[in-house]
């Protein structure tokens, strides 16, 4: 009888010991490059049936795990598979922050190629297509047509820009009048506009249903910016010669706060095309509060005041006479200084207040309200009872002149004298000063001249 009781007691002790050796394994997933949380991943233990879900804060846990040695496997899209050997020898094993590396840092959704959006992306042409930098993706077709063919006004599937809606933090970015995206609104803000998602054609995206041409969603919220402080200066020979940029990202701070800010300055007395100039500034500030794992509140404001001289289209005859493919008929000298007739001025300050609610791990609702205010204008020539004052007007070209000798003289003059190929401002003003017109029979009264 004593032996039976002894065996029973030993059995209960062994059972209690085995039961007590079930532990909790937990951790948080972090993007190593941007110091932001990762919410979409699969966490498992190799060779077992243990699988954990990752919540909105990047947190995961595996409960009732027997003591022993395991290999932790973490799989996430666009990240290298993470493997880690863990030993379960206590009730709670906290792995802390687990940093995942991008599979290809050059082609992630948060790190697209740096391409500055300029006003040249928004000509006064109704058939403007999607801005190239927003289409830069791993899709070979989209990359080719936007970078290589955008200057030729190529349209993907023949659709205009108004058929490709653009959203930022949940708010639509289309102009209410034309329905087109005004990309110059955030020109120069490369460092904080990297996070984006795009769809091609009638496909549902994560945050919105696209148009017939596709859709773009830009995520500029502070918590989705990488932790950084960088200052850069670039010098080139494009639309502007100099660019100074400073960017700060706090990452995720205590209390669930995040802050991101950037400022850039671009300028050129003259771009690579004669007669053009560039004077641009850009600013951005975003503050976000992660209330809990279900509610995220963000306020973002930005603007890009830019003034720049524009180029003009030209016929091949004038390009040949000027000896350059960068001939610009929009400028001339006035009192010894370069003056451009076509000057664009743009400044549309924008503010977006967004709230994201995640009622369940597999669903979320984003609500946003935005305001845009400012001006966008372009100057141009106008004339009445006079010829086009620009030098490339077709009636002024040698090809229009019937007398071959005169045509040859005009051609030689245009080749040798740059002033003859540009606007003669002083002559234009002189003509207007000396212009006198008589209007006869005003208001229908005979002799009222």
Protein backbone atom coordinates (compact mmCIF):
# COMPACT_ATOMS: atom_id res chain seq x y z
CA UNK A 1 0.00 0.00 0.00
CA UNK A 2 2.85 2.37 0.88
CA UNK A 3 4.48 1.73 -2.50
CA UNK A 4 1.27 2.63 -4.33
CA UNK A 5 0.97 5.97 -2.52
CA UNK A 6 4.63 6.69 -3.11
CA UNK A 7 4.28 6.04 -6.85
CA UNK A 8 1.16 8.24 -7.01
CA UNK A 9 2.94 11.13 -5.26
CA UNK A 10 5.96 10.82 -7.57
CA UNK A 11 3.65 10.79 -10.61
CA UNK A 12 1.89 13.98 -9.48
CA UNK A 13 5.21 15.69 -8.88
CA UNK A 14 6.46 14.76 -12.36
CA UNK A 15 3.18 15.97 -13.96
CA UNK A 16 3.30 19.24 -12.04
CA UNK A 17 6.92 19.77 -13.07
CA UNK A 18 6.16 19.10 -16.73
CA UNK A 19 3.13 21.38 -16.66
CA UNK A 20 5.11 24.17 -15.03
CA UNK A 21 7.69 24.02 -17.81
CA UNK A 22 5.41 25.72 -20.35
CA UNK A 23 6.69 29.21 -21.12
CA UNK A 24 5.83 32.44 -22.99
CA UNK A 25 8.02 33.64 -25.87
CA UNK A 26 7.56 37.25 -27.02
CA UNK A 27 9.25 40.03 -29.01
CA UNK A 28 8.80 43.09 -31.25
CA UNK A 29 9.62 43.33 -34.98
CA UNK A 30 11.55 46.42 -36.13
CA UNK A 31 12.65 47.64 -39.56
CA UNK A 32 16.43 47.91 -39.09
CA UNK A 33 16.91 50.61 -41.74
CA UNK A 34 14.03 52.95 -40.88
CA UNK A 35 13.62 52.09 -37.16
CA UNK A 36 9.87 51.59 -37.63
CA UNK A 37 7.62 48.76 -36.57
CA UNK A 38 6.74 45.83 -38.85
CA UNK A 39 3.13 44.70 -38.67
CA UNK A 40 2.87 42.24 -41.56
CA UNK A 41 4.99 39.15 -40.89
CA UNK A 42 4.75 35.43 -40.10
CA UNK A 43 6.42 34.23 -36.88
CA UNK A 44 6.89 30.49 -36.34
CA UNK A 45 9.15 27.87 -34.76
CA UNK A 46 10.84 25.57 -37.26
CA UNK A 47 9.69 21.96 -37.12
CA UNK A 48 6.68 22.75 -34.90
CA UNK A 49 3.10 23.91 -35.32
CA UNK A 50 3.63 27.05 -33.25
CA UNK A 51 2.70 30.21 -35.21
CA UNK A 52 2.19 33.71 -33.83
CA UNK A 53 0.35 36.79 -35.13
CA UNK A 54 1.95 40.24 -35.19
CA UNK A 55 -0.22 43.11 -33.96
CA UNK A 56 -0.25 46.79 -34.95
CA UNK A 57 2.68 47.53 -32.63
CA UNK A 58 4.89 44.82 -34.13
CA UNK A 59 4.43 42.66 -31.01
CA UNK A 60 4.10 38.86 -31.10
CA UNK A 61 3.91 36.10 -28.50
CA UNK A 62 3.84 32.30 -28.41
CA UNK A 63 2.11 30.83 -25.35
CA UNK A 64 2.24 27.40 -23.67
CA UNK A 65 5.66 26.63 -25.15
CA UNK A 66 7.45 23.63 -23.54
CA UNK A 67 10.99 24.13 -22.28
CA UNK A 68 13.69 23.30 -24.79
CA UNK A 69 15.68 24.65 -27.74
CA UNK A 70 13.99 26.01 -30.86
CA UNK A 71 14.75 27.94 -34.07
CA UNK A 72 12.66 31.10 -34.50
CA UNK A 73 11.70 31.93 -38.10
CA UNK A 74 10.33 35.34 -39.14
CA UNK A 75 9.12 35.86 -42.73
CA UNK A 76 8.03 39.27 -44.07
CA UNK A 77 7.54 40.62 -47.56
CA UNK A 78 10.58 42.63 -48.84
CA UNK A 79 12.69 41.50 -45.85
CA UNK A 80 15.37 38.81 -45.46
CA UNK A 81 14.10 35.75 -43.54
CA UNK A 82 15.15 36.07 -39.90
CA UNK A 83 16.42 32.96 -38.08
CA UNK A 84 17.36 32.84 -34.40
CA UNK A 85 18.12 29.99 -32.01
CA UNK A 86 16.26 30.41 -28.70
CA UNK A 87 16.44 28.44 -25.47
CA UNK A 88 13.27 28.25 -23.39
CA UNK A 89 14.39 27.75 -19.80
CA UNK A 90 12.16 30.14 -17.83
CA UNK A 91 8.52 31.18 -17.63
CA UNK A 92 8.89 34.28 -19.83
CA UNK A 93 11.51 34.69 -22.55
CA UNK A 94 11.53 38.25 -23.92
CA UNK A 95 13.57 38.62 -27.13
CA UNK A 96 13.13 42.41 -27.16
CA UNK A 97 13.37 44.22 -30.52
CA UNK A 98 14.21 41.98 -33.47
CA UNK A 99 15.60 44.03 -36.38
CA UNK A 100 14.85 42.75 -39.90
CA UNK A 101 16.93 43.71 -42.93
CA UNK A 102 15.50 44.61 -46.33
CA UNK A 103 15.93 42.01 -49.04
CA UNK A 104 16.97 44.76 -51.47
CA UNK A 105 17.32 48.21 -49.93
CA UNK A 106 17.25 49.80 -53.39
CA UNK A 107 13.79 48.53 -54.28
CA UNK A 108 11.58 48.69 -51.21
CA UNK A 109 8.30 50.53 -51.00
CA UNK A 110 9.84 52.96 -48.52
CA UNK A 111 13.03 53.68 -50.46
CA UNK A 112 12.31 54.54 -54.08
CA UNK A 113 14.90 56.27 -56.26
CA UNK A 114 15.47 59.92 -55.44
CA UNK A 115 13.94 62.01 -58.23
CA UNK A 116 13.10 65.66 -57.63
CA UNK A 117 9.64 66.73 -58.78
CA UNK A 118 9.86 70.05 -60.59
CA UNK A 119 7.38 72.31 -62.28
CA UNK A 120 8.51 70.95 -65.64
CA UNK A 121 6.52 67.84 -64.69
CA UNK A 122 3.37 69.98 -64.95
CA UNK A 123 3.33 71.72 -68.31
CA UNK A 124 0.19 73.57 -69.35
CA UNK A 125 -0.69 70.54 -71.44
CA UNK A 126 -3.95 68.71 -70.79
CA UNK A 127 -2.44 65.33 -71.63
CA UNK A 128 0.10 65.27 -68.81
CA UNK A 129 0.80 61.77 -67.57
CA UNK A 130 1.85 60.41 -64.18
CA UNK A 131 4.97 61.92 -62.58
CA UNK A 132 7.93 59.61 -63.13
CA UNK A 133 9.20 59.37 -59.56
CA UNK A 134 5.81 58.28 -58.24
CA UNK A 135 5.71 55.44 -60.77
CA UNK A 136 9.22 54.24 -60.01
CA UNK A 137 8.63 50.65 -58.93
CA UNK A 138 9.86 47.17 -59.57
CA UNK A 139 7.38 46.86 -62.43
CA UNK A 140 9.62 46.92 -65.53
CA UNK A 141 6.91 48.31 -67.82
CA UNK A 142 5.96 51.21 -65.53
CA UNK A 143 9.61 52.07 -64.92
CA UNK A 144 10.32 52.17 -68.65
CA UNK A 145 7.35 54.25 -69.73
CA UNK A 146 7.63 56.80 -66.92
CA UNK A 147 11.38 57.43 -66.93
CA UNK A 148 12.10 56.99 -70.64
CA UNK A 149 8.91 58.07 -72.38
CA UNK A 150 7.33 60.63 -70.01
CA UNK A 151 9.01 63.57 -71.79
CA UNK A 152 7.30 62.41 -75.00
CA UNK A 153 3.90 62.58 -73.25
CA UNK A 154 3.50 58.81 -73.42
CA UNK A 155 0.37 57.67 -71.60
CA UNK A 156 0.11 54.24 -70.04
CA UNK A 157 -2.81 52.49 -71.74
CA UNK A 158 -3.78 55.89 -73.20
CA UNK A 159 -5.18 57.29 -69.94
CA UNK A 160 -4.66 60.87 -68.78
CA UNK A 161 -3.43 61.88 -65.35
CA UNK A 162 -6.96 62.44 -64.05
CA UNK A 163 -7.60 58.68 -64.42
CA UNK A 164 -4.77 57.89 -61.96
CA UNK A 165 -5.85 59.20 -58.52
CA UNK A 166 -3.18 60.04 -55.95
CA UNK A 167 -3.75 59.87 -52.19
CA UNK A 168 -1.58 61.09 -49.34
CA UNK A 169 -2.26 59.82 -45.83
CA UNK A 170 -5.77 58.96 -47.01
CA UNK A 171 -6.61 62.34 -48.56
CA UNK A 172 -7.02 62.72 -52.36
CA UNK A 173 -4.45 65.03 -53.96
CA UNK A 174 -6.30 65.86 -57.19
CA UNK A 175 -7.05 69.46 -58.16
CA UNK A 176 -10.78 70.05 -57.71
CA UNK A 177 -11.02 71.90 -61.03
CA UNK A 178 -9.06 69.69 -63.43
CA UNK A 179 -9.06 66.40 -61.52
CA UNK A 180 -5.31 66.05 -62.11
CA UNK A 181 -2.59 65.56 -59.51
CA UNK A 182 -0.48 68.68 -58.98
CA UNK A 183 2.87 67.07 -58.28
CA UNK A 184 4.67 70.40 -57.91
CA UNK A 185 2.81 70.84 -54.59
CA UNK A 186 5.45 68.70 -52.86
CA UNK A 187 8.47 69.19 -55.11
CA UNK A 188 11.82 68.97 -53.31
CA UNK A 189 10.50 66.79 -50.46
CA UNK A 190 12.23 63.60 -51.61
CA UNK A 191 13.36 62.38 -48.21
CA UNK A 192 9.84 62.21 -46.73
CA UNK A 193 7.87 61.13 -49.81
CA UNK A 194 9.55 57.74 -50.29
CA UNK A 195 6.83 55.58 -48.73
CA UNK A 196 4.27 54.78 -51.39
CA UNK A 197 2.10 52.06 -52.83
CA UNK A 198 0.91 51.94 -56.43
CA UNK A 199 -1.57 49.88 -58.38
CA UNK A 200 -1.79 49.40 -62.13
CA UNK A 201 -5.17 49.46 -63.83
CA UNK A 202 -8.44 48.66 -62.08
CA UNK A 203 -6.91 46.96 -59.05
CA UNK A 204 -7.79 47.45 -55.40
CA UNK A 205 -4.95 48.85 -53.33
CA UNK A 206 -4.44 48.64 -49.58
CA UNK A 207 -5.93 52.09 -48.97
CA UNK A 208 -8.11 52.90 -51.99
CA UNK A 209 -9.72 51.66 -55.18
CA UNK A 210 -7.72 52.83 -58.18
CA UNK A 211 -8.92 54.53 -61.34
CA UNK A 212 -8.84 52.92 -64.77
CA UNK A 213 -5.19 53.96 -65.07
CA UNK A 214 -4.16 52.87 -61.58
CA UNK A 215 -3.59 54.69 -58.29
CA UNK A 216 -0.89 55.97 -55.96
CA UNK A 217 -0.87 56.18 -52.17
CA UNK A 218 1.87 58.21 -50.48
CA UNK A 219 2.41 57.63 -46.76
CA UNK A 220 4.20 60.65 -45.26
CA UNK A 221 3.16 60.11 -41.64
CA UNK A 222 5.90 60.67 -39.08
CA UNK A 223 5.91 57.11 -37.68
CA UNK A 224 6.54 55.76 -41.17
CA UNK A 225 9.65 57.88 -41.69
CA UNK A 226 13.02 56.36 -40.92
CA UNK A 227 14.98 57.61 -37.91
CA UNK A 228 17.56 60.04 -39.26
CA UNK A 229 19.19 63.42 -39.28
CA UNK A 230 20.94 64.25 -42.50
CA UNK A 231 22.11 67.34 -44.33
CA UNK A 232 23.03 67.16 -48.00
CA UNK A 233 24.22 69.51 -50.71
CA UNK A 234 24.08 68.72 -54.42
CA UNK A 235 25.38 70.58 -57.41
CA UNK A 236 24.39 69.82 -60.98
CA UNK A 237 23.48 71.26 -64.36
CA UNK A 238 19.75 70.61 -64.62
CA UNK A 239 16.78 72.90 -63.91
CA UNK A 240 18.72 74.22 -60.89
CA UNK A 241 22.43 74.26 -60.08
CA UNK A 242 22.37 73.93 -56.28
CA UNK A 243 20.29 72.05 -53.74
CA UNK A 244 20.60 72.18 -49.94
CA UNK A 245 18.45 69.76 -47.95
CA UNK A 246 18.09 68.95 -44.24
CA UNK A 247 15.85 66.15 -42.93
CA UNK A 248 15.03 64.92 -39.41
CA UNK A 249 13.09 61.84 -38.36
CA UNK A 250 12.65 60.99 -34.67
CA UNK A 251 11.49 57.42 -35.17
CA UNK A 252 9.10 56.01 -32.57
CA UNK A 253 9.53 57.93 -29.28
CA UNK A 254 8.29 57.12 -25.79
CA UNK A 255 4.61 57.74 -25.35
CA UNK A 256 3.86 56.81 -28.96
CA UNK A 257 4.95 60.15 -30.47
CA UNK A 258 6.78 60.61 -33.77
CA UNK A 259 8.08 63.75 -35.48
CA UNK A 260 9.49 64.26 -38.98
CA UNK A 261 10.60 67.47 -40.69
CA UNK A 262 12.53 68.52 -43.78
CA UNK A 263 13.60 71.72 -45.50
CA UNK A 264 15.18 72.14 -48.92
CA UNK A 265 16.42 75.03 -51.01
CA UNK A 266 17.09 74.89 -54.78
CA UNK A 267 18.35 77.71 -56.95
CA UNK A 268 20.00 78.62 -60.23
CA UNK A 269 20.69 81.96 -61.90
CA UNK A 270 20.38 80.07 -65.17
CA UNK A 271 19.61 76.41 -65.81
CA UNK A 272 21.02 74.27 -68.61
CA UNK A 273 18.62 76.06 -70.98
CA UNK A 274 19.48 79.72 -71.60
CA UNK A 275 17.08 82.28 -70.24
CA UNK A 276 15.74 80.04 -67.48
CA UNK A 277 16.20 80.48 -63.74
CA UNK A 278 15.03 78.64 -60.63
CA UNK A 279 14.24 79.78 -57.10
CA UNK A 280 12.54 77.15 -54.96
CA UNK A 281 12.01 76.33 -51.29
CA UNK A 282 10.23 73.34 -49.73
CA UNK A 283 9.16 72.64 -46.16
CA UNK A 284 7.48 69.70 -44.38
CA UNK A 285 6.41 68.89 -40.81
CA UNK A 286 4.55 65.83 -39.56
CA UNK A 287 3.56 64.90 -36.00
CA UNK A 288 1.90 61.59 -35.12
CA UNK A 289 0.54 60.09 -31.93
CA UNK A 290 0.04 56.33 -31.61
CA UNK A 291 -2.74 56.30 -29.03
CA UNK A 292 -2.78 52.50 -28.75
CA UNK A 293 -2.51 49.51 -31.05
CA UNK A 294 -5.83 50.45 -32.69
CA UNK A 295 -5.79 54.24 -33.04
CA UNK A 296 -3.23 56.42 -34.87
CA UNK A 297 -3.60 60.21 -35.21
CA UNK A 298 -1.41 62.24 -37.57
CA UNK A 299 -1.11 65.91 -38.63
CA UNK A 300 1.03 66.75 -41.69
CA UNK A 301 1.74 70.09 -43.35
CA UNK A 302 3.94 70.96 -46.33
CA UNK A 303 4.46 73.46 -49.11
CA UNK A 304 6.85 74.32 -51.95
CA UNK A 305 6.99 77.97 -53.09
CA UNK A 306 8.80 77.99 -56.44
CA UNK A 307 9.42 80.65 -59.10
CA UNK A 308 11.11 79.58 -62.32
CA UNK A 309 11.62 80.71 -65.90
CA UNK A 310 10.19 78.29 -68.45
CA UNK A 311 11.37 77.02 -71.81
CA UNK A 312 9.47 77.09 -75.09
CA UNK A 313 8.89 74.50 -77.80
CA UNK A 314 10.76 75.12 -81.06
CA UNK A 315 10.70 73.90 -84.65
CA UNK A 316 13.68 72.03 -86.09
CA UNK A 317 14.56 74.93 -88.41
CA UNK A 318 15.20 77.21 -85.44
CA UNK A 319 17.19 74.54 -83.60
CA UNK A 320 19.44 74.20 -86.64
CA UNK A 321 19.91 77.98 -86.96
CA UNK A 322 20.70 78.31 -83.24
CA UNK A 323 23.05 75.33 -83.35
CA UNK A 324 21.57 73.75 -80.21
CA UNK A 325 18.68 71.54 -79.21
CA UNK A 326 18.17 73.73 -76.12
CA UNK A 327 17.04 76.86 -77.96
CA UNK A 328 14.58 78.91 -75.92
CA UNK A 329 12.54 81.70 -77.54
CA UNK A 330 11.05 82.94 -74.26
CA UNK A 331 13.83 85.31 -73.25
CA UNK A 332 15.83 88.37 -74.25
CA UNK A 333 17.87 91.23 -72.79
CA UNK A 334 16.19 94.24 -71.21
CA UNK A 335 18.50 96.99 -69.96
CA UNK A 336 21.35 94.49 -70.15
CA UNK A 337 19.62 91.83 -68.01
CA UNK A 338 18.04 88.53 -69.00
CA UNK A 339 14.24 88.59 -68.83
CA UNK A 340 11.98 85.57 -69.42
CA UNK A 341 8.42 86.15 -70.60
CA UNK A 342 7.10 82.81 -69.27
CA UNK A 343 7.56 82.69 -65.49
CA UNK A 344 5.75 80.12 -63.33
CA UNK A 345 4.91 80.86 -59.69
CA UNK A 346 3.51 78.06 -57.55
CA UNK A 347 2.79 77.78 -53.83
CA UNK A 348 -0.06 75.62 -52.54
CA UNK A 349 0.39 75.00 -48.78
CA UNK A 350 -1.31 71.75 -47.77
CA UNK A 351 -2.38 70.35 -44.38
CA UNK A 352 -3.70 66.81 -43.76
CA UNK A 353 -5.24 65.49 -40.54
CA UNK A 354 -5.65 61.70 -40.65
CA UNK A 355 -6.94 59.10 -38.23
CA UNK A 356 -6.37 55.38 -38.72
CA UNK A 357 -8.43 52.85 -36.78
CA UNK A 358 -7.64 49.14 -36.72
CA UNK A 359 -10.65 47.39 -35.18
CA UNK A 360 -9.17 43.95 -35.94
CA UNK A 361 -5.70 42.72 -36.98
CA UNK A 362 -6.96 42.22 -40.54
CA UNK A 363 -8.97 45.42 -41.09
CA UNK A 364 -8.44 49.16 -40.79
CA UNK A 365 -10.34 52.36 -41.49
CA UNK A 366 -8.56 55.57 -42.48
CA UNK A 367 -10.29 58.95 -42.29
CA UNK A 368 -8.62 62.15 -43.47
CA UNK A 369 -9.44 65.82 -43.90
CA UNK A 370 -7.20 68.15 -45.87
CA UNK A 371 -6.99 71.77 -46.94
CA UNK A 372 -5.09 73.38 -49.82
CA UNK A 373 -4.72 77.11 -50.36
CA UNK A 374 -2.45 79.28 -52.47
CA UNK A 375 -1.71 80.31 -56.04
CA UNK A 376 -0.41 78.74 -59.22
CA UNK A 377 0.15 81.03 -62.19
CA UNK A 378 2.18 81.39 -65.37
CA UNK A 379 2.92 84.59 -67.31
CA UNK A 380 2.86 84.69 -71.12
CA UNK A 381 2.83 87.04 -74.12
CA UNK A 382 -0.35 88.43 -75.66
CA UNK A 383 -0.67 90.73 -78.67
CA UNK A 384 -3.34 92.50 -80.72
CA UNK A 385 -3.03 93.86 -84.25
CA UNK A 386 0.61 92.79 -84.22
CA UNK A 387 2.78 89.78 -85.00
CA UNK A 388 4.13 87.34 -82.44
CA UNK A 389 7.09 89.17 -80.82
CA UNK A 390 9.09 85.96 -80.45
CA UNK A 391 11.89 85.35 -82.92
CA UNK A 392 10.74 81.88 -83.97
CA UNK A 393 7.37 83.08 -85.34
CA UNK A 394 6.99 81.20 -88.62
CA UNK A 395 6.62 84.35 -90.75
CA UNK A 396 10.05 85.49 -89.56
CA UNK A 397 11.85 82.27 -90.50
CA UNK A 398 13.84 81.82 -93.75
CA UNK A 399 11.57 78.97 -94.87
CA UNK A 400 8.63 81.41 -95.15
CA UNK A 401 10.53 83.96 -97.25
CA UNK A 402 9.97 83.38 -100.99
CA UNK A 403 13.02 85.27 -102.23
CA UNK A 404 15.95 82.89 -101.85
CA UNK A 405 18.59 85.65 -101.53
CA UNK A 406 16.67 87.38 -98.74
CA UNK A 407 16.02 84.06 -97.05
CA UNK A 408 19.74 83.27 -97.09
CA UNK A 409 20.57 86.67 -95.58
CA UNK A 410 18.00 86.20 -92.79
CA UNK A 411 19.33 82.69 -92.08
CA UNK A 412 22.89 83.97 -91.81
CA UNK A 413 21.79 86.80 -89.53
CA UNK A 414 20.03 84.36 -87.19
CA UNK A 415 23.09 82.11 -87.09
CA UNK A 416 25.56 84.88 -86.34
CA UNK A 417 23.60 87.10 -83.94
CA UNK A 418 22.03 85.59 -80.81
CA UNK A 419 20.08 88.79 -80.16
CA UNK A 420 18.15 88.19 -83.40
CA UNK A 421 17.00 84.83 -82.04
CA UNK A 422 15.62 86.27 -78.80
CA UNK A 423 12.94 88.72 -77.65
CA UNK A 424 13.86 92.35 -78.25
CA UNK A 425 12.37 93.85 -75.10
CA UNK A 426 13.53 97.42 -75.69
CA UNK A 427 12.10 97.37 -79.22
CA UNK A 428 8.85 95.90 -77.91
CA UNK A 429 8.40 98.69 -75.35
CA UNK A 430 9.33 101.32 -77.93
CA UNK A 431 6.70 99.98 -80.31
CA UNK A 432 4.01 100.09 -77.62
CA UNK A 433 4.92 103.65 -76.61
CA UNK A 434 4.55 104.82 -80.19
CA UNK A 435 1.42 102.84 -81.01
CA UNK A 436 -1.52 105.14 -81.81
CA UNK A 437 -4.90 103.85 -83.01
CA UNK A 438 -8.06 105.74 -83.96
CA UNK A 439 -11.38 104.16 -83.10
CA UNK A 440 -14.14 105.50 -85.37
CA UNK A 441 -17.80 106.08 -84.51
CA UNK A 442 -17.57 105.05 -80.87
CA UNK A 443 -20.89 103.85 -79.37
CA UNK A 444 -22.40 104.04 -82.88
CA UNK A 445 -22.27 107.85 -82.99
CA UNK A 446 -21.11 109.13 -86.37
CA UNK A 447 -17.99 111.29 -86.09
CA UNK A 448 -17.34 110.25 -82.49
CA UNK A 449 -13.77 109.16 -83.17
